[in-house]
Amino acid sequence: MTIQSKSRVILALDVPTLAQAKEIARRAAPLLAAVKIGNQLFTAEGPAAVAVMRELGLQVFLDLKYHDIPNTVGQAITSASKLGVWMVNVHASGGAEMMQAAAKVPGRPLVLGVTVLTSLNEAGLRAALGTTRTLRDQVRHLAKEAQASGLDGVVASPQEILDIREACGDRFLIVTPGVRPADAELGDQKRVMTPGEAVQAGADYVVIGRPILAAVDPVDAARKIVEECDKGSA
């Protein structure tokens, strides 16, 4: 049975083993909207990681950022659907045809388009893509392409939430990594807000890993973040 929670917090299980992931997820489960399984854990443990989280009653955001030819991405979404995941993502920069292939999969999970990674700033974007658009314009462009292609929402930094809402409306899902409590280290994140600020700006869900995983008491850290999000939505 899936845990029913009004939480906006998705815990990023960026850990090397399923044993570690299971322990923290089990303890934090009542505080979470879902858990995120990304490249590190999925590469190490495979579909078993999804199965264990579902056995704990948790929804799973499978964060593998598919970016390939349309047929391959469509087949990957089909496979993800068979795992019973709640949400998956694709790189919006893969183009409209690729996103449409993902959107057309029967019985699929929610599919989000990744806009611009939160580790990039303006200079990093230009160096990586060679685009002349500003970072905000690039995110807005990709969000509109994702919506027009039939995706359910996007992954974007909290700093672009207002732009996306203006371009895509209130029913388009926005999931935001790059969220850090005020006293947390930024690490490799460049475009950040606090959890409360992100929710207040209009994020549907916030993805948080290291500030919870590295805390002395991860459950207490998760609880404080949930409380901050609740205040942001009040």
Foldseek 3Di string as FASTA:
>chain_A
DAADALFQEEAEQQDQELVLVLVLCLLQVRLHQAYEDEDRHCVRPNLVSLVSRVVSNGAYEYEHAAADPQVVLLVVQVVVLVSVHQEYEHALVSFLSNLLSNQPRPNGHAYAHEFDDQLDAQVRVCVVPVDPDGSLVSSCVSQLSNVVSRGQAYEDALVNLLVSCVNPNQRRAYEYEQEDAPPDDSPSGDRYDHLLSSVLSRHSHYYDYDQQSVDPHNNVSSVVSRVSVVVSND
